[in-house]
């Protein structure tokens, strides 16, 4: 269940700043900035995105504005794998994960 997000990585003028454009609006019209994983406390898609990006490691800042995600890497950090992380943000059921069917619902 869920669909992959289409992500295009755009060049920036700074090697420590990565910019990703998605085909999904992630923050509505809001502008969200996370300076640490501890700031991503909500249940919105942008909060989950920030947690996953910080869990990736070597990240100093995550900024989301509409469909644009900007990541500032920590010193010596690498953005390898971040594009794929964003692409899989809305894929819920993966190989080996048991699909839970609510009681009384049809399995068909």
C-alpha atoms as a PDB file:
ATOM      1  CA  UNK A   1       0.000   0.000   0.000  1.00  0.00           C
ATOM      2  CA  UNK A   2       1.155   3.503  -0.626  1.00  0.00           C
ATOM      3  CA  UNK A   3       2.900   4.963  -3.597  1.00  0.00           C
ATOM      4  CA  UNK A   4       6.473   5.901  -4.258  1.00  0.00           C
ATOM      5  CA  UNK A   5       7.146   9.620  -4.275  1.00  0.00           C
ATOM      6  CA  UNK A   6       8.860  10.954  -7.379  1.00  0.00           C
ATOM      7  CA  UNK A   7      11.942  12.877  -6.288  1.00  0.00           C
ATOM      8  CA  UNK A   8      14.309  15.017  -8.355  1.00  0.00           C
ATOM      9  CA  UNK A   9      17.545  16.149  -6.744  1.00  0.00           C
ATOM     10  CA  UNK A  10      18.527  19.696  -7.756  1.00  0.00           C
ATOM     11  CA  UNK A  11      21.991  21.231  -7.715  1.00  0.00           C
ATOM     12  CA  UNK A  12      22.711  23.952  -5.159  1.00  0.00           C
ATOM     13  CA  UNK A  13      25.590  26.393  -4.887  1.00  0.00           C
ATOM     14  CA  UNK A  14      26.833  24.699  -1.690  1.00  0.00           C
ATOM     15  CA  UNK A  15      28.089  21.114  -1.545  1.00  0.00           C
ATOM     16  CA  UNK A  16      26.699  20.644   1.989  1.00  0.00           C
ATOM     17  CA  UNK A  17      23.139  21.628   0.974  1.00  0.00           C
ATOM     18  CA  UNK A  18      20.935  19.160  -0.903  1.00  0.00           C
ATOM     19  CA  UNK A  19      17.649  20.147  -2.506  1.00  0.00           C
ATOM     20  CA  UNK A  20      14.950  17.668  -3.452  1.00  0.00           C
ATOM     21  CA  UNK A  21      11.710  18.395  -5.320  1.00  0.00           C
ATOM     22  CA  UNK A  22       8.849  15.913  -4.946  1.00  0.00           C
ATOM     23  CA  UNK A  23       5.585  15.299  -6.765  1.00  0.00           C
ATOM     24  CA  UNK A  24       3.756  15.496  -3.427  1.00  0.00           C
ATOM     25  CA  UNK A  25       3.116  18.566  -1.328  1.00  0.00           C
ATOM     26  CA  UNK A  26       4.443  17.520   2.057  1.00  0.00           C
ATOM     27  CA  UNK A  27       3.889  20.602   4.215  1.00  0.00           C
ATOM     28  CA  UNK A  28       0.828  22.190   2.693  1.00  0.00           C
ATOM     29  CA  UNK A  29       1.514  25.913   2.505  1.00  0.00           C
ATOM     30  CA  UNK A  30       3.606  25.846   5.648  1.00  0.00           C
ATOM     31  CA  UNK A  31       7.348  26.176   5.989  1.00  0.00           C
ATOM     32  CA  UNK A  32       8.915  23.764   8.472  1.00  0.00           C
ATOM     33  CA  UNK A  33      12.483  23.853   9.763  1.00  0.00           C
ATOM     34  CA  UNK A  34      13.967  21.131  11.957  1.00  0.00           C
ATOM     35  CA  UNK A  35      17.386  21.687  13.522  1.00  0.00           C
ATOM     36  CA  UNK A  36      17.403  18.325  15.301  1.00  0.00           C
ATOM     37  CA  UNK A  37      15.426  15.098  15.472  1.00  0.00           C
ATOM     38  CA  UNK A  38      14.027  16.252  18.827  1.00  0.00           C
ATOM     39  CA  UNK A  39      12.095  19.046  17.060  1.00  0.00           C
ATOM     40  CA  UNK A  40      10.186  16.518  14.897  1.00  0.00           C
ATOM     41  CA  UNK A  41       7.619  15.578  17.531  1.00  0.00           C
ATOM     42  CA  UNK A  42       4.347  15.675  15.568  1.00  0.00           C
ATOM     43  CA  UNK A  43       2.511  13.138  13.444  1.00  0.00           C
ATOM     44  CA  UNK A  44       2.470  15.100  10.189  1.00  0.00           C
ATOM     45  CA  UNK A  45       4.273  13.777   7.110  1.00  0.00           C
ATOM     46  CA  UNK A  46       6.952  16.483   7.492  1.00  0.00           C
ATOM     47  CA  UNK A  47       7.656  15.351  11.060  1.00  0.00           C
ATOM     48  CA  UNK A  48       8.111  11.734   9.957  1.00  0.00           C
ATOM     49  CA  UNK A  49      10.254  12.863   7.035  1.00  0.00           C
ATOM     50  CA  UNK A  50      12.504  14.888   9.361  1.00  0.00           C
ATOM     51  CA  UNK A  51      12.878  11.960  11.787  1.00  0.00           C
ATOM     52  CA  UNK A  52      13.886   9.630   8.964  1.00  0.00           C
ATOM     53  CA  UNK A  53      16.344  12.119   7.489  1.00  0.00           C
ATOM     54  CA  UNK A  54      17.988  12.745  10.883  1.00  0.00           C
ATOM     55  CA  UNK A  55      18.085   8.977  11.495  1.00  0.00           C
ATOM     56  CA  UNK A  56      19.981   8.689   8.194  1.00  0.00           C
ATOM     57  CA  UNK A  57      22.786  10.484   9.991  1.00  0.00           C
ATOM     58  CA  UNK A  58      25.170  13.391   9.479  1.00  0.00           C
ATOM     59  CA  UNK A  59      22.368  15.936   8.995  1.00  0.00           C
ATOM     60  CA  UNK A  60      22.391  19.410  10.549  1.00  0.00           C
ATOM     61  CA  UNK A  61      19.056  20.788   9.294  1.00  0.00           C
ATOM     62  CA  UNK A  62      15.919  19.726   7.413  1.00  0.00           C
ATOM     63  CA  UNK A  63      13.646  22.300   5.822  1.00  0.00           C
ATOM     64  CA  UNK A  64      10.368  21.526   4.048  1.00  0.00           C
ATOM     65  CA  UNK A  65       8.341  24.039   2.072  1.00  0.00           C
ATOM     66  CA  UNK A  66       5.503  22.576   0.035  1.00  0.00           C
ATOM     67  CA  UNK A  67       7.106  19.991  -2.217  1.00  0.00           C
ATOM     68  CA  UNK A  68      10.724  21.089  -1.684  1.00  0.00           C
ATOM     69  CA  UNK A  69      12.953  19.404   0.893  1.00  0.00           C
ATOM     70  CA  UNK A  70      16.275  21.048   1.693  1.00  0.00           C
ATOM     71  CA  UNK A  71      18.850  19.158   3.754  1.00  0.00           C
ATOM     72  CA  UNK A  72      21.980  20.713   5.195  1.00  0.00           C
ATOM     73  CA  UNK A  73      24.572  18.066   5.898  1.00  0.00           C
ATOM     74  CA  UNK A  74      26.692  18.081   9.029  1.00  0.00           C
ATOM     75  CA  UNK A  75      30.425  18.454   8.569  1.00  0.00           C
ATOM     76  CA  UNK A  76      31.679  15.446   6.618  1.00  0.00           C
ATOM     77  CA  UNK A  77      28.134  14.184   6.026  1.00  0.00           C
ATOM     78  CA  UNK A  78      26.975  12.360   2.928  1.00  0.00           C
ATOM     79  CA  UNK A  79      23.640  12.587   1.161  1.00  0.00           C
ATOM     80  CA  UNK A  80      23.919   9.068  -0.233  1.00  0.00           C
ATOM     81  CA  UNK A  81      20.553   7.328   0.109  1.00  0.00           C
ATOM     82  CA  UNK A  82      18.483  10.418   0.958  1.00  0.00           C
ATOM     83  CA  UNK A  83      16.740  10.538  -2.423  1.00  0.00           C
ATOM     84  CA  UNK A  84      15.644   6.903  -2.016  1.00  0.00           C
ATOM     85  CA  UNK A  85      14.534   7.585   1.560  1.00  0.00           C
ATOM     86  CA  UNK A  86      12.206  10.344   0.314  1.00  0.00           C
ATOM     87  CA  UNK A  87      10.928   8.201  -2.564  1.00  0.00           C
ATOM     88  CA  UNK A  88       9.808   5.496  -0.110  1.00  0.00           C
ATOM     89  CA  UNK A  89       8.229   7.833   2.460  1.00  0.00           C
ATOM     90  CA  UNK A  90       4.656   6.678   1.757  1.00  0.00           C
ATOM     91  CA  UNK A  91       5.276   2.971   1.148  1.00  0.00           C
ATOM     92  CA  UNK A  92       3.802   1.230   4.164  1.00  0.00           C
ATOM     93  CA  UNK A  93       3.799  -2.475   3.389  1.00  0.00           C
ATOM     94  CA  UNK A  94       7.111  -4.028   2.505  1.00  0.00           C
ATOM     95  CA  UNK A  95       8.232  -7.575   1.934  1.00  0.00           C
ATOM     96  CA  UNK A  96       8.099  -9.501   5.197  1.00  0.00           C
ATOM     97  CA  UNK A  97       5.673  -7.089   6.895  1.00  0.00           C
ATOM     98  CA  UNK A  98       2.388  -8.673   7.972  1.00  0.00           C
ATOM     99  CA  UNK A  99      -0.658  -6.818   6.667  1.00  0.00           C
ATOM    100  CA  UNK A 100      -3.097  -6.264   9.531  1.00  0.00           C
ATOM    101  CA  UNK A 101      -6.760  -6.582   8.557  1.00  0.00           C
ATOM    102  CA  UNK A 102      -9.168  -4.936  11.027  1.00  0.00           C
ATOM    103  CA  UNK A 103     -11.630  -7.254  12.722  1.00  0.00           C
ATOM    104  CA  UNK A 104     -14.804  -7.605  10.687  1.00  0.00           C
ATOM    105  CA  UNK A 105     -13.183  -6.340   7.465  1.00  0.00           C
ATOM    106  CA  UNK A 106     -13.029  -8.472   4.364  1.00  0.00           C
ATOM    107  CA  UNK A 107      -9.587  -9.799   3.364  1.00  0.00           C
ATOM    108  CA  UNK A 108     -10.541  -9.530  -0.321  1.00  0.00           C
END
